[in-house]
Amino acid sequence: MPKKNNRQPTMGDRIDTLESQFGAMQITLASVVEQLKEMSRKMDLQGSNHNASPASN
């Protein structure tokens, strides 16, 4: 990557950076959600129903 002469990043640069960070966060969140769903399924199978309210989806 070519070195920039200590110039301030442009709005486009910032948006690109934010978009890539946000994309990575979305991927991470998606995997966390999948793990939570899997845990929830396992708990349902075990019949541990401490919480009377149904899990909202």
PDB file of N, CA and C in Angstrom:
ATOM      1  N   MET A   1       0.855  -1.193   0.000  1.00  0.00           N
ATOM      2  CA  MET A   1       0.000   0.000   0.000  1.00  0.00           C
ATOM      3  C   MET A   1       0.890   1.242   0.000  1.00  0.00           C
ATOM      4  N   PRO A   2       0.648   2.175  -0.879  1.00  0.00           N
ATOM      5  CA  PRO A   2       1.497   3.375  -0.924  1.00  0.00           C
ATOM      6  C   PRO A   2       1.312   4.220   0.327  1.00  0.00           C
ATOM      7  N   LYS A   3       2.408   4.804   0.785  1.00  0.00           N
ATOM      8  CA  LYS A   3       2.324   5.650   1.978  1.00  0.00           C
ATOM      9  C   LYS A   3       1.664   6.965   1.632  1.00  0.00           C
ATOM     10  N   LYS A   4       0.786   7.415   2.524  1.00  0.00           N
ATOM     11  CA  LYS A   4       0.165   8.718   2.337  1.00  0.00           C
ATOM     12  C   LYS A   4       0.959   9.722   3.156  1.00  0.00           C
ATOM     13  N   ASN A   5       1.111  10.904   2.644  1.00  0.00           N
ATOM     14  CA  ASN A   5       1.955  11.912   3.292  1.00  0.00           C
ATOM     15  C   ASN A   5       1.244  12.553   4.482  1.00  0.00           C
ATOM     16  N   ASN A   6       0.896  11.725   5.466  1.00  0.00           N
ATOM     17  CA  ASN A   6       0.265  12.221   6.691  1.00  0.00           C
ATOM     18  C   ASN A   6      -0.923  13.129   6.415  1.00  0.00           C
ATOM     19  N   ARG A   7      -1.579  12.923   5.287  1.00  0.00           N
ATOM     20  CA  ARG A   7      -2.754  13.748   5.006  1.00  0.00           C
ATOM     21  C   ARG A   7      -3.958  13.158   5.729  1.00  0.00           C
ATOM     22  N   GLN A   8      -4.899  14.028   6.019  1.00  0.00           N
ATOM     23  CA  GLN A   8      -6.114  13.570   6.673  1.00  0.00           C
ATOM     24  C   GLN A   8      -6.872  12.633   5.733  1.00  0.00           C
ATOM     25  N   PRO A   9      -7.435  11.550   6.277  1.00  0.00           N
ATOM     26  CA  PRO A   9      -8.230  10.676   5.413  1.00  0.00           C
ATOM     27  C   PRO A   9      -9.468  11.419   4.912  1.00  0.00           C
ATOM     28  N   THR A  10      -9.805  11.192   3.674  1.00  0.00           N
ATOM     29  CA  THR A  10     -10.994  11.841   3.123  1.00  0.00           C
ATOM     30  C   THR A  10     -12.233  11.152   3.670  1.00  0.00           C
ATOM     31  N   MET A  11     -13.396  11.761   3.429  1.00  0.00           N
ATOM     32  CA  MET A  11     -14.643  11.153   3.863  1.00  0.00           C
ATOM     33  C   MET A  11     -14.795   9.780   3.215  1.00  0.00           C
ATOM     34  N   GLY A  12     -14.392   9.664   1.952  1.00  0.00           N
ATOM     35  CA  GLY A  12     -14.475   8.375   1.265  1.00  0.00           C
ATOM     36  C   GLY A  12     -13.618   7.320   1.938  1.00  0.00           C
ATOM     37  N   ASP A  13     -12.407   7.728   2.348  1.00  0.00           N
ATOM     38  CA  ASP A  13     -11.524   6.797   3.051  1.00  0.00           C
ATOM     39  C   ASP A  13     -12.182   6.325   4.347  1.00  0.00           C
ATOM     40  N   ARG A  14     -12.750   7.271   5.062  1.00  0.00           N
ATOM     41  CA  ARG A  14     -13.378   6.924   6.338  1.00  0.00           C
ATOM     42  C   ARG A  14     -14.545   5.975   6.116  1.00  0.00           C
ATOM     43  N   ILE A  15     -15.342   6.268   5.097  1.00  0.00           N
ATOM     44  CA  ILE A  15     -16.505   5.419   4.823  1.00  0.00           C
ATOM     45  C   ILE A  15     -16.046   4.015   4.443  1.00  0.00           C
ATOM     46  N   ASP A  16     -14.995   3.926   3.612  1.00  0.00           N
ATOM     47  CA  ASP A  16     -14.467   2.610   3.242  1.00  0.00           C
ATOM     48  C   ASP A  16     -14.041   1.835   4.488  1.00  0.00           C
ATOM     49  N   THR A  17     -13.334   2.516   5.380  1.00  0.00           N
ATOM     50  CA  THR A  17     -12.867   1.863   6.603  1.00  0.00           C
ATOM     51  C   THR A  17     -14.046   1.404   7.446  1.00  0.00           C
ATOM     52  N   LEU A  18     -15.026   2.298   7.618  1.00  0.00           N
ATOM     53  CA  LEU A  18     -16.198   1.947   8.416  1.00  0.00           C
ATOM     54  C   LEU A  18     -16.945   0.776   7.803  1.00  0.00           C
ATOM     55  N   GLU A  19     -17.081   0.793   6.469  1.00  0.00           N
ATOM     56  CA  GLU A  19     -17.811  -0.287   5.811  1.00  0.00           C
ATOM     57  C   GLU A  19     -17.119  -1.621   6.022  1.00  0.00           C
ATOM     58  N   SER A  20     -15.791  -1.632   5.926  1.00  0.00           N
ATOM     59  CA  SER A  20     -15.088  -2.906   6.106  1.00  0.00           C
ATOM     60  C   SER A  20     -15.183  -3.365   7.558  1.00  0.00           C
ATOM     61  N   GLN A  21     -15.093  -2.425   8.501  1.00  0.00           N
ATOM     62  CA  GLN A  21     -15.231  -2.788   9.911  1.00  0.00           C
ATOM     63  C   GLN A  21     -16.642  -3.292  10.185  1.00  0.00           C
ATOM     64  N   PHE A  22     -17.634  -2.607   9.602  1.00  0.00           N
ATOM     65  CA  PHE A  22     -19.017  -2.994   9.830  1.00  0.00           C
ATOM     66  C   PHE A  22     -19.292  -4.364   9.230  1.00  0.00           C
ATOM     67  N   GLY A  23     -18.725  -4.615   8.053  1.00  0.00           N
ATOM     68  CA  GLY A  23     -18.889  -5.925   7.430  1.00  0.00           C
ATOM     69  C   GLY A  23     -18.350  -7.020   8.328  1.00  0.00           C
ATOM     70  N   ALA A  24     -17.182  -6.778   8.909  1.00  0.00           N
ATOM     71  CA  ALA A  24     -16.590  -7.767   9.809  1.00  0.00           C
ATOM     72  C   ALA A  24     -17.461  -7.948  11.043  1.00  0.00           C
ATOM     73  N   MET A  25     -18.019  -6.854  11.557  1.00  0.00           N
ATOM     74  CA  MET A  25     -18.892  -6.952  12.725  1.00  0.00           C
ATOM     75  C   MET A  25     -20.139  -7.756  12.402  1.00  0.00           C
ATOM     76  N   GLN A  26     -20.708  -7.531  11.207  1.00  0.00           N
ATOM     77  CA  GLN A  26     -21.908  -8.269  10.826  1.00  0.00           C
ATOM     78  C   GLN A  26     -21.629  -9.763  10.792  1.00  0.00           C
ATOM     79  N   ILE A  27     -20.470 -10.134  10.242  1.00  0.00           N
ATOM     80  CA  ILE A  27     -20.107 -11.550  10.169  1.00  0.00           C
ATOM     81  C   ILE A  27     -19.977 -12.116  11.579  1.00  0.00           C
ATOM     82  N   THR A  28     -19.312 -11.353  12.454  1.00  0.00           N
ATOM     83  CA  THR A  28     -19.132 -11.801  13.832  1.00  0.00           C
ATOM     84  C   THR A  28     -20.475 -11.939  14.527  1.00  0.00           C
ATOM     85  N   LEU A  29     -21.339 -10.927  14.362  1.00  0.00           N
ATOM     86  CA  LEU A  29     -22.658 -10.974  14.987  1.00  0.00           C
ATOM     87  C   LEU A  29     -23.454 -12.161  14.478  1.00  0.00           C
ATOM     88  N   ALA A  30     -23.397 -12.409  13.181  1.00  0.00           N
ATOM     89  CA  ALA A  30     -24.145 -13.523  12.605  1.00  0.00           C
ATOM     90  C   ALA A  30     -23.699 -14.839  13.237  1.00  0.00           C
ATOM     91  N   SER A  31     -22.390 -15.007  13.428  1.00  0.00           N
ATOM     92  CA  SER A  31     -21.908 -16.263  14.010  1.00  0.00           C
ATOM     93  C   SER A  31     -22.314 -16.357  15.479  1.00  0.00           C
ATOM     94  N   VAL A  32     -22.298 -15.231  16.186  1.00  0.00           N
ATOM     95  CA  VAL A  32     -22.725 -15.233  17.589  1.00  0.00           C
ATOM     96  C   VAL A  32     -24.199 -15.603  17.686  1.00  0.00           C
ATOM     97  N   VAL A  33     -25.011 -15.025  16.805  1.00  0.00           N
ATOM     98  CA  VAL A  33     -26.444 -15.330  16.801  1.00  0.00           C
ATOM     99  C   VAL A  33     -26.662 -16.818  16.531  1.00  0.00           C
ATOM    100  N   GLU A  34     -25.915 -17.366  15.569  1.00  0.00           N
ATOM    101  CA  GLU A  34     -26.045 -18.797  15.269  1.00  0.00           C
ATOM    102  C   GLU A  34     -25.691 -19.635  16.494  1.00  0.00           C
ATOM    103  N   GLN A  35     -24.616 -19.256  17.193  1.00  0.00           N
ATOM    104  CA  GLN A  35     -24.214 -19.996  18.391  1.00  0.00           C
ATOM    105  C   GLN A  35     -25.299 -19.914  19.458  1.00  0.00           C
ATOM    106  N   LEU A  36     -25.888 -18.724  19.621  1.00  0.00           N
ATOM    107  CA  LEU A  36     -26.948 -18.564  20.614  1.00  0.00           C
ATOM    108  C   LEU A  36     -28.157 -19.414  20.259  1.00  0.00           C
ATOM    109  N   LYS A  37     -28.516 -19.433  18.975  1.00  0.00           N
ATOM    110  CA  LYS A  37     -29.653 -20.256  18.550  1.00  0.00           C
ATOM    111  C   LYS A  37     -29.378 -21.723  18.845  1.00  0.00           C
ATOM    112  N   GLU A  38     -28.157 -22.160  18.557  1.00  0.00           N
ATOM    113  CA  GLU A  38     -27.785 -23.559  18.801  1.00  0.00           C
ATOM    114  C   GLU A  38     -27.863 -23.876  20.292  1.00  0.00           C
ATOM    115  N   MET A  39     -27.345 -22.972  21.129  1.00  0.00           N
ATOM    116  CA  MET A  39     -27.418 -23.169  22.577  1.00  0.00           C
ATOM    117  C   MET A  39     -28.865 -23.229  23.027  1.00  0.00           C
ATOM    118  N   SER A  40     -29.680 -22.352  22.472  1.00  0.00           N
ATOM    119  CA  SER A  40     -31.092 -22.303  22.830  1.00  0.00           C
ATOM    120  C   SER A  40     -31.769 -23.621  22.467  1.00  0.00           C
ATOM    121  N   ARG A  41     -31.444 -24.134  21.274  1.00  0.00           N
ATOM    122  CA  ARG A  41     -32.020 -25.410  20.839  1.00  0.00           C
ATOM    123  C   ARG A  41     -31.626 -26.522  21.804  1.00  0.00           C
ATOM    124  N   LYS A  42     -30.355 -26.558  22.183  1.00  0.00           N
ATOM    125  CA  LYS A  42     -29.881 -27.604  23.087  1.00  0.00           C
ATOM    126  C   LYS A  42     -30.585 -27.498  24.436  1.00  0.00           C
ATOM    127  N   MET A  43     -30.763 -26.277  24.913  1.00  0.00           N
ATOM    128  CA  MET A  43     -31.434 -26.094  26.198  1.00  0.00           C
ATOM    129  C   MET A  43     -32.883 -26.539  26.099  1.00  0.00           C
ATOM    130  N   ASP A  44     -33.536 -26.232  24.974  1.00  0.00           N
ATOM    131  CA  ASP A  44     -34.922 -26.656  24.785  1.00  0.00           C
ATOM    132  C   ASP A  44     -35.008 -28.178  24.799  1.00  0.00           C
ATOM    133  N   LEU A  45     -34.029 -28.835  24.162  1.00  0.00           N
ATOM    134  CA  LEU A  45     -34.026 -30.294  24.118  1.00  0.00           C
ATOM    135  C   LEU A  45     -33.846 -30.879  25.511  1.00  0.00           C
ATOM    136  N   GLN A  46     -33.053 -30.217  26.342  1.00  0.00           N
ATOM    137  CA  GLN A  46     -32.822 -30.696  27.703  1.00  0.00           C
ATOM    138  C   GLN A  46     -34.057 -30.480  28.573  1.00  0.00           C
ATOM    139  N   GLY A  47     -34.974 -29.663  28.092  1.00  0.00           N
ATOM    140  CA  GLY A  47     -36.190 -29.424  28.842  1.00  0.00           C
ATOM    141  C   GLY A  47     -35.983 -28.494  30.019  1.00  0.00           C
ATOM    142  N   SER A  48     -34.879 -27.768  30.039  1.00  0.00           N
ATOM    143  CA  SER A  48     -34.659 -26.820  31.129  1.00  0.00           C
ATOM    144  C   SER A  48     -35.493 -25.586  30.837  1.00  0.00           C
ATOM    145  N   ASN A  49     -36.652 -25.518  31.452  1.00  0.00           N
ATOM    146  CA  ASN A  49     -37.597 -24.446  31.151  1.00  0.00           C
ATOM    147  C   ASN A  49     -37.745 -23.556  32.375  1.00  0.00           C
ATOM    148  N   HIS A  50     -36.629 -22.951  32.801  1.00  0.00           N
ATOM    149  CA  HIS A  50     -36.674 -22.062  33.961  1.00  0.00           C
ATOM    150  C   HIS A  50     -37.520 -20.842  33.650  1.00  0.00           C
ATOM    151  N   ASN A  51     -37.442 -20.388  32.400  1.00  0.00           N
ATOM    152  CA  ASN A  51     -38.130 -19.165  31.993  1.00  0.00           C
ATOM    153  C   ASN A  51     -39.452 -19.539  31.355  1.00  0.00           C
ATOM    154  N   ALA A  52     -40.552 -19.118  31.950  1.00  0.00           N
ATOM    155  CA  ALA A  52     -41.869 -19.510  31.457  1.00  0.00           C
ATOM    156  C   ALA A  52     -42.216 -18.813  30.151  1.00  0.00           C
ATOM    157  N   SER A  53     -41.648 -17.632  29.935  1.00  0.00           N
ATOM    158  CA  SER A  53     -41.987 -16.897  28.715  1.00  0.00           C
ATOM    159  C   SER A  53     -41.292 -17.526  27.518  1.00  0.00           C
ATOM    160  N   PRO A  54     -42.006 -17.661  26.398  1.00  0.00           N
ATOM    161  CA  PRO A  54     -41.380 -18.237  25.202  1.00  0.00           C
ATOM    162  C   PRO A  54     -40.301 -17.317  24.657  1.00  0.00           C
ATOM    163  N   ALA A  55     -39.273 -17.910  24.087  1.00  0.00           N
ATOM    164  CA  ALA A  55     -38.186 -17.112  23.515  1.00  0.00           C
ATOM    165  C   ALA A  55     -38.702 -16.357  22.310  1.00  0.00           C
ATOM    166  N   SER A  56     -38.544 -15.050  22.316  1.00  0.00           N
ATOM    167  CA  SER A  56     -39.013 -14.250  21.179  1.00  0.00           C
ATOM    168  C   SER A  56     -38.018 -14.361  20.051  1.00  0.00           C
ATOM    169  N   ASN A  57     -38.522 -14.470  18.854  1.00  0.00           N
ATOM    170  CA  ASN A  57     -37.634 -14.603  17.707  1.00  0.00           C
ATOM    171  C   ASN A  57     -37.736 -13.376  16.846  1.00  0.00           C
TER     172      ASN A  57
END
